[in-house]
Amino acid sequence: MVVLSACSTDLSVIGTYKETMIIYGLLDQSQPKQYIKVNKAFLGEGNALTYAQIKDSTQFINSLSVTLKRIKNGVELNSYTLTPDNSIPKNPGTFYAPDQQNAIYSFSTPSGTLDVDSDYELTVKNNETGTTASSRTSLIADATYTSPASTTPFFNFILPSNNDYQYPVRWLSGKNARLYQIVIRLNYVDSTLNGNDTLNLDWVFPEQKAQNLAGGEPMRNDFPGQGFLQFIGNQVDNYSDLIARRALQVDILLTAGGDDLNTFIEVNKPSTSIIQERPEYTNITNGLGIFSSRYSQAPFSKYLSVATWDSLACGQYTNHLKFLNHLGTTCQ
């Protein structure tokens, strides 16, 4: 009885240390540089927030070997070595900042470097411990706009005869793309007592999903022209030094994401049920995180039609913002 009563009932949740890599990377052949972020998991006795502020807890102090192989039809054709990149500082917060040396790795990808018909295999190795993690992804093929047409001279978001006009943005999906998002960007210039400032405002639309990964699927995102003016009216402010505003071109931005990226986002969305526990998703072998692809379509850019330009300057939602009409005057 004495022996049994002396047994400890404490349960330790701290097991034997196991090195775990956490890897995030999205290949995008439309970008001149590719980035892979590598951190490590940590657990220890005491306050986890205190550990998070220690560099050695979340970052590998020693450099890693980070390589990317191009594979086509089962044959390795190219190999790229990524190098540490400390050009992107990390904002202060819960985790150690601002130094990210040995946390971000990159390599340059001039146009044509990455091949959309190949797969890419990422391998990250800790040269000191031998721990290795890997993953593989395909690239996303370019989507094709079907509306507006490339011959469209300007964006006519406003039709005086139709207050409910829905401006059509339509495209054919690209191969290997599951997730799409449209952004409408207004570029404009503020003229002030101190000179001119070039600014922009993004109207971000909800994500859409392709039904398959084969490509060529018709997709659309029509948006209300009056809603565009309402959005501008709610998001843009006046200030004392402002003399006038001049609208420049409007960009339609289309970004696509791979299937694994879509799954990762879905799994990590906030739960709307009473069961708050979410499954863990990773496509990193011997690690955690996500390695997938995205594609940033080149902006489809046009100036505004006269009717839209004048509505921006004089319409009920934006006439207080000092935008110039097509004649170069304000409505105030």
Protein backbone atom coordinates (compact mmCIF):
# COMPACT_ATOMS: atom_id res chain seq x y z
CA MET A 1 0.00 0.00 0.00
CA VAL A 2 2.83 2.41 0.86
CA VAL A 3 4.57 1.64 -2.42
CA LEU A 4 1.39 2.14 -4.45
CA SER A 5 0.47 5.39 -2.73
CA ALA A 6 3.93 6.78 -3.54
CA CYS A 7 3.51 6.33 -7.31
CA SER A 8 3.29 9.59 -9.24
CA THR A 9 0.09 10.33 -11.16
CA ASP A 10 1.61 13.27 -13.11
CA LEU A 11 1.37 12.97 -16.88
CA SER A 12 4.16 14.53 -18.91
CA VAL A 13 3.17 15.82 -22.35
CA ILE A 14 6.80 16.55 -23.27
CA GLY A 15 8.16 13.53 -25.08
CA THR A 16 11.53 12.84 -26.65
CA TYR A 17 12.52 15.65 -29.02
CA LYS A 18 11.81 15.00 -32.69
CA GLU A 19 12.96 17.46 -35.32
CA THR A 20 9.96 18.53 -37.42
CA MET A 21 10.27 20.80 -40.44
CA ILE A 22 7.40 23.14 -41.34
CA ILE A 23 7.53 24.09 -45.01
CA TYR A 24 5.50 26.58 -47.03
CA GLY A 25 5.99 27.21 -50.74
CA LEU A 26 3.94 28.08 -53.83
CA LEU A 27 5.59 27.86 -57.24
CA ASP A 28 4.41 30.58 -59.64
CA GLN A 29 6.05 30.68 -63.06
CA SER A 30 4.68 34.18 -63.65
CA GLN A 31 7.02 35.54 -60.94
CA PRO A 32 10.75 36.30 -61.37
CA LYS A 33 11.67 34.66 -58.05
CA GLN A 34 10.44 31.65 -56.08
CA TYR A 35 10.44 31.46 -52.28
CA ILE A 36 10.33 28.53 -49.87
CA LYS A 37 9.88 29.15 -46.13
CA VAL A 38 11.25 26.58 -43.68
CA ASN A 39 10.66 26.68 -39.93
CA LYS A 40 10.67 24.06 -37.22
CA ALA A 41 8.14 22.97 -34.62
CA PHE A 42 8.97 23.37 -30.93
CA LEU A 43 7.66 22.29 -27.55
CA GLY A 44 9.10 22.72 -24.09
CA GLU A 45 8.39 23.12 -20.40
CA GLY A 46 6.89 26.47 -19.42
CA ASN A 47 5.33 29.28 -21.42
CA ALA A 48 5.21 28.56 -25.16
CA LEU A 49 5.01 32.31 -25.91
CA THR A 50 8.41 32.76 -24.31
CA TYR A 51 9.90 29.97 -26.43
CA ALA A 52 8.37 31.54 -29.56
CA GLN A 53 10.52 34.64 -29.12
CA ILE A 54 13.75 32.59 -29.19
CA LYS A 55 15.23 32.26 -32.67
CA ASP A 56 16.41 28.69 -32.15
CA SER A 57 12.86 27.59 -31.30
CA THR A 58 11.35 28.36 -34.71
CA GLN A 59 14.33 28.68 -37.07
CA PHE A 60 17.19 26.41 -38.01
CA ILE A 61 20.41 28.10 -36.95
CA ASN A 62 22.47 26.09 -39.44
CA SER A 63 21.81 26.45 -43.15
CA LEU A 64 19.81 23.74 -44.89
CA SER A 65 20.13 22.13 -48.30
CA VAL A 66 17.03 23.16 -50.27
CA THR A 67 16.75 21.79 -53.80
CA LEU A 68 14.08 21.63 -56.48
CA LYS A 69 14.06 19.00 -59.22
CA ARG A 70 12.18 19.27 -62.51
CA ILE A 71 10.69 15.90 -63.49
CA LYS A 72 8.92 15.08 -66.75
CA ASN A 73 7.59 11.66 -67.66
CA GLY A 74 9.51 10.20 -64.71
CA VAL A 75 12.86 11.65 -65.86
CA GLU A 76 14.78 14.30 -63.90
CA LEU A 77 15.69 17.09 -66.33
CA ASN A 78 16.90 19.96 -64.14
CA SER A 79 17.90 20.65 -60.55
CA TYR A 80 17.87 24.04 -58.81
CA THR A 81 19.59 24.98 -55.53
CA LEU A 82 17.83 27.53 -53.36
CA THR A 83 19.92 29.87 -51.20
CA PRO A 84 19.11 31.68 -47.92
CA ASP A 85 17.28 34.96 -48.54
CA ASN A 86 17.07 37.55 -45.78
CA SER A 87 15.57 40.30 -47.94
CA ILE A 88 12.06 39.90 -46.48
CA PRO A 89 11.92 41.05 -42.84
CA LYS A 90 9.35 39.54 -40.50
CA ASN A 91 7.10 41.91 -38.62
CA PRO A 92 7.26 41.78 -34.80
CA GLY A 93 4.66 39.52 -33.23
CA THR A 94 4.28 36.22 -31.40
CA PHE A 95 7.30 34.62 -33.09
CA TYR A 96 10.92 35.69 -33.34
CA ALA A 97 11.54 38.67 -35.66
CA PRO A 98 12.81 40.41 -37.77
CA ASP A 99 15.72 38.21 -38.91
CA GLN A 100 14.65 35.29 -41.11
CA GLN A 101 18.09 34.06 -42.09
CA ASN A 102 17.89 30.32 -42.85
CA ALA A 103 14.08 30.53 -42.82
CA ILE A 104 13.46 31.78 -46.37
CA TYR A 105 15.16 30.25 -49.41
CA SER A 106 14.84 31.50 -52.98
CA PHE A 107 16.03 31.17 -56.56
CA SER A 108 15.51 33.33 -59.65
CA THR A 109 13.13 32.17 -62.39
CA PRO A 110 13.32 34.34 -65.50
CA SER A 111 10.52 33.78 -68.02
CA GLY A 112 10.65 30.22 -69.35
CA THR A 113 12.60 28.73 -66.41
CA LEU A 114 9.68 26.70 -65.07
CA ASP A 115 7.85 24.32 -67.41
CA VAL A 116 4.09 23.94 -66.99
CA ASP A 117 4.20 20.38 -68.39
CA SER A 118 6.64 19.17 -65.70
CA ASP A 119 6.36 18.26 -62.01
CA TYR A 120 8.64 19.77 -59.37
CA GLU A 121 9.99 17.89 -56.37
CA LEU A 122 11.17 19.88 -53.34
CA THR A 123 13.69 18.41 -50.90
CA VAL A 124 14.84 20.09 -47.68
CA LYS A 125 17.68 18.50 -45.71
CA ASN A 126 19.30 19.47 -42.41
CA ASN A 127 22.97 18.74 -43.12
CA GLU A 128 23.82 18.41 -39.43
CA THR A 129 21.10 15.96 -38.38
CA GLY A 130 20.24 14.32 -41.68
CA THR A 131 16.52 15.07 -41.28
CA THR A 132 14.90 15.34 -44.71
CA ALA A 133 11.44 16.47 -45.81
CA SER A 134 10.05 16.53 -49.34
CA SER A 135 7.00 17.24 -51.47
CA ARG A 136 5.94 17.43 -55.10
CA THR A 137 3.67 19.68 -57.18
CA SER A 138 2.65 20.46 -60.74
CA LEU A 139 2.36 23.97 -62.20
CA ILE A 140 -0.80 25.78 -63.30
CA ALA A 141 -1.42 26.54 -66.96
CA ASP A 142 -2.49 30.02 -68.03
CA ALA A 143 -6.25 30.70 -67.99
CA THR A 144 -7.83 32.36 -71.04
CA TYR A 145 -10.10 35.43 -70.84
CA THR A 146 -13.24 35.23 -72.97
CA SER A 147 -14.81 38.47 -71.69
CA PRO A 148 -13.94 41.29 -71.78
CA ALA A 149 -12.34 40.81 -75.18
CA SER A 150 -8.80 42.01 -75.78
CA THR A 151 -10.17 44.39 -78.40
CA THR A 152 -12.34 46.18 -75.81
CA PRO A 153 -11.21 49.85 -75.92
CA PHE A 154 -12.22 50.67 -72.34
CA PHE A 155 -14.12 49.39 -69.31
CA ASN A 156 -17.75 50.52 -69.44
CA PHE A 157 -18.96 49.65 -65.94
CA ILE A 158 -21.90 52.07 -66.09
CA LEU A 159 -24.80 52.00 -68.54
CA PRO A 160 -27.09 55.05 -68.06
CA SER A 161 -30.05 52.95 -69.26
CA ASN A 162 -29.39 50.10 -66.80
CA ASN A 163 -28.69 50.83 -63.12
CA ASP A 164 -28.34 47.10 -62.40
CA TYR A 165 -25.77 46.43 -65.12
CA GLN A 166 -23.55 43.44 -64.33
CA TYR A 167 -20.11 43.75 -65.89
CA PRO A 168 -19.01 40.32 -67.22
CA VAL A 169 -15.60 38.82 -66.41
CA ARG A 170 -15.33 35.34 -67.94
CA TRP A 171 -12.51 32.92 -68.57
CA LEU A 172 -11.58 29.34 -69.33
CA SER A 173 -9.82 27.55 -66.48
CA GLY A 174 -6.19 26.49 -66.77
CA LYS A 175 -4.83 22.98 -66.30
CA ASN A 176 -4.12 21.94 -62.67
CA ALA A 177 -5.96 24.97 -61.22
CA ARG A 178 -8.70 24.40 -58.65
CA LEU A 179 -9.09 27.81 -57.01
CA TYR A 180 -9.64 31.23 -58.64
CA GLN A 181 -9.98 34.76 -57.33
CA ILE A 182 -10.73 38.01 -59.17
CA VAL A 183 -9.55 41.44 -58.02
CA ILE A 184 -10.69 44.73 -59.60
CA ARG A 185 -8.01 47.39 -59.01
CA LEU A 186 -8.59 51.10 -59.46
CA ASN A 187 -5.39 53.09 -60.06
CA TYR A 188 -5.61 56.82 -59.41
CA VAL A 189 -3.54 59.92 -58.67
CA ASP A 190 -4.10 62.29 -55.75
CA SER A 191 -2.97 65.86 -56.44
CA THR A 192 -2.00 67.64 -53.23
CA LEU A 193 -0.23 70.79 -52.15
CA ASN A 194 2.98 68.73 -52.00
CA GLY A 195 2.69 67.06 -55.42
CA ASN A 196 1.12 63.92 -56.86
CA ASP A 197 0.70 60.50 -55.22
CA THR A 198 -0.11 57.39 -57.31
CA LEU A 199 -2.40 55.04 -55.35
CA ASN A 200 -4.59 52.01 -55.94
CA LEU A 201 -7.66 50.37 -54.42
CA ASP A 202 -8.49 46.64 -54.66
CA TRP A 203 -11.99 45.18 -54.75
CA VAL A 204 -11.49 41.50 -53.86
CA PHE A 205 -14.15 38.96 -54.86
CA PRO A 206 -14.88 35.59 -53.22
CA GLU A 207 -12.95 32.54 -54.37
CA GLN A 208 -14.35 30.24 -57.04
CA LYS A 209 -13.56 26.60 -57.68
CA ALA A 210 -13.16 24.72 -60.94
CA GLN A 211 -15.01 21.41 -61.14
CA ASN A 212 -12.01 19.61 -62.62
CA LEU A 213 -8.26 20.05 -63.16
CA ALA A 214 -8.21 19.38 -66.89
CA GLY A 215 -8.62 23.05 -67.86
CA GLY A 216 -10.92 24.66 -70.42
CA GLU A 217 -13.88 24.93 -68.04
CA PRO A 218 -16.01 28.11 -68.56
CA MET A 219 -15.97 30.29 -65.44
CA ARG A 220 -17.38 33.72 -64.68
CA ASN A 221 -17.55 36.49 -62.09
CA ASP A 222 -19.93 39.26 -63.10
CA PHE A 223 -20.01 42.26 -60.79
CA PRO A 224 -22.35 45.28 -60.45
CA GLY A 225 -21.02 48.52 -61.92
CA GLN A 226 -22.94 50.57 -59.34
CA GLY A 227 -21.44 48.33 -56.65
CA PHE A 228 -17.96 49.29 -57.86
CA LEU A 229 -18.77 52.99 -57.29
CA GLN A 230 -20.28 52.21 -53.88
CA PHE A 231 -17.12 50.32 -52.90
CA ILE A 232 -14.93 53.27 -53.93
CA GLY A 233 -17.17 55.68 -52.05
CA ASN A 234 -16.86 53.62 -48.86
CA GLN A 235 -13.12 52.99 -49.06
CA VAL A 236 -11.58 56.27 -50.29
CA ASP A 237 -11.31 59.30 -47.99
CA ASN A 238 -10.76 63.01 -48.44
CA TYR A 239 -8.11 64.92 -46.54
CA SER A 240 -7.19 68.57 -46.08
CA ASP A 241 -4.32 68.70 -48.61
CA LEU A 242 -6.29 67.05 -51.41
CA ILE A 243 -6.89 69.24 -54.47
CA ALA A 244 -8.25 66.71 -56.95
CA ARG A 245 -8.16 63.03 -57.96
CA ARG A 246 -7.68 61.57 -61.41
CA ALA A 247 -8.66 57.99 -62.27
CA LEU A 248 -6.08 56.05 -64.27
CA GLN A 249 -6.48 52.57 -65.70
CA VAL A 250 -8.45 49.79 -64.03
CA ASP A 251 -6.85 46.33 -63.76
CA ILE A 252 -8.64 42.99 -63.68
CA LEU A 253 -6.37 40.59 -61.78
CA LEU A 254 -6.95 36.84 -61.91
CA THR A 255 -5.04 34.47 -59.62
CA ALA A 256 -5.32 30.67 -59.66
CA GLY A 257 -4.34 28.15 -56.98
CA GLY A 258 -3.54 24.43 -57.12
CA ASP A 259 -5.63 21.58 -55.75
CA ASP A 260 -3.46 20.99 -52.66
CA LEU A 261 -3.55 24.69 -51.84
CA ASN A 262 -7.34 24.65 -52.04
CA THR A 263 -7.52 21.65 -49.67
CA PHE A 264 -5.12 23.33 -47.23
CA ILE A 265 -7.26 26.50 -47.18
CA GLU A 266 -10.49 24.55 -46.75
CA VAL A 267 -9.16 22.50 -43.84
CA ASN A 268 -7.88 25.58 -42.03
CA LYS A 269 -11.00 27.71 -42.37
CA PRO A 270 -12.75 28.56 -39.08
CA SER A 271 -15.19 25.87 -38.05
CA THR A 272 -18.87 26.83 -38.13
CA SER A 273 -20.05 23.77 -36.18
CA ILE A 274 -20.04 22.98 -32.48
CA ILE A 275 -17.21 20.51 -33.19
CA GLN A 276 -14.20 22.81 -33.26
CA GLU A 277 -11.51 20.19 -33.79
CA ARG A 278 -10.21 20.25 -37.38
CA PRO A 279 -8.23 17.58 -39.19
CA GLU A 280 -4.59 18.31 -39.90
CA TYR A 281 -3.64 18.56 -43.56
CA THR A 282 -0.15 18.56 -45.02
CA ASN A 283 1.38 17.33 -48.27
CA ILE A 284 4.92 17.44 -46.87
CA THR A 285 6.50 14.00 -46.44
CA ASN A 286 8.23 13.78 -43.02
CA GLY A 287 7.13 17.31 -42.18
CA LEU A 288 4.22 19.74 -42.00
CA GLY A 289 2.97 22.55 -44.25
CA ILE A 290 2.03 22.96 -47.87
CA PHE A 291 3.92 22.90 -51.17
CA SER A 292 1.71 23.72 -54.14
CA SER A 293 1.37 26.14 -57.05
CA ARG A 294 -0.44 29.28 -58.09
CA TYR A 295 -0.48 31.46 -61.17
CA SER A 296 -0.86 35.24 -61.30
CA GLN A 297 -2.45 36.22 -64.59
CA ALA A 298 -1.01 39.34 -66.23
CA PRO A 299 -3.32 42.30 -65.44
CA PHE A 300 -6.05 42.99 -67.99
CA SER A 301 -5.91 46.80 -68.01
CA LYS A 302 -8.08 49.45 -69.65
CA TYR A 303 -9.12 53.04 -68.99
CA LEU A 304 -12.69 53.86 -67.97
CA SER A 305 -15.36 54.79 -70.48
CA VAL A 306 -16.58 58.39 -70.50
CA ALA A 307 -19.86 57.39 -68.81
CA THR A 308 -18.02 55.50 -66.05
CA TRP A 309 -15.44 58.26 -65.63
CA ASP A 310 -18.16 60.89 -65.24
CA SER A 311 -20.14 58.68 -62.86
CA LEU A 312 -17.02 58.32 -60.70
CA ALA A 313 -16.67 62.13 -60.63
CA CYS A 314 -20.31 63.13 -60.28
CA GLY A 315 -22.29 60.05 -59.20
CA GLN A 316 -24.16 59.81 -55.90
CA TYR A 317 -21.62 57.47 -54.26
CA THR A 318 -18.37 59.25 -55.15
CA ASN A 319 -19.12 62.90 -55.99
CA HIS A 320 -17.59 64.01 -52.68
CA LEU A 321 -14.18 62.49 -53.42
CA LYS A 322 -12.95 65.17 -55.89
CA PHE A 323 -12.44 62.82 -58.82
CA LEU A 324 -12.07 64.62 -62.15
CA ASN A 325 -14.49 63.87 -64.97
CA HIS A 326 -13.41 63.24 -68.57
CA LEU A 327 -13.15 67.01 -69.13
CA GLY A 328 -10.69 67.38 -66.26
CA THR A 329 -13.03 69.21 -63.89
CA THR A 330 -14.74 68.23 -60.63
CA CYS A 331 -18.45 68.32 -59.87
CA GLN A 332 -17.97 70.48 -56.77
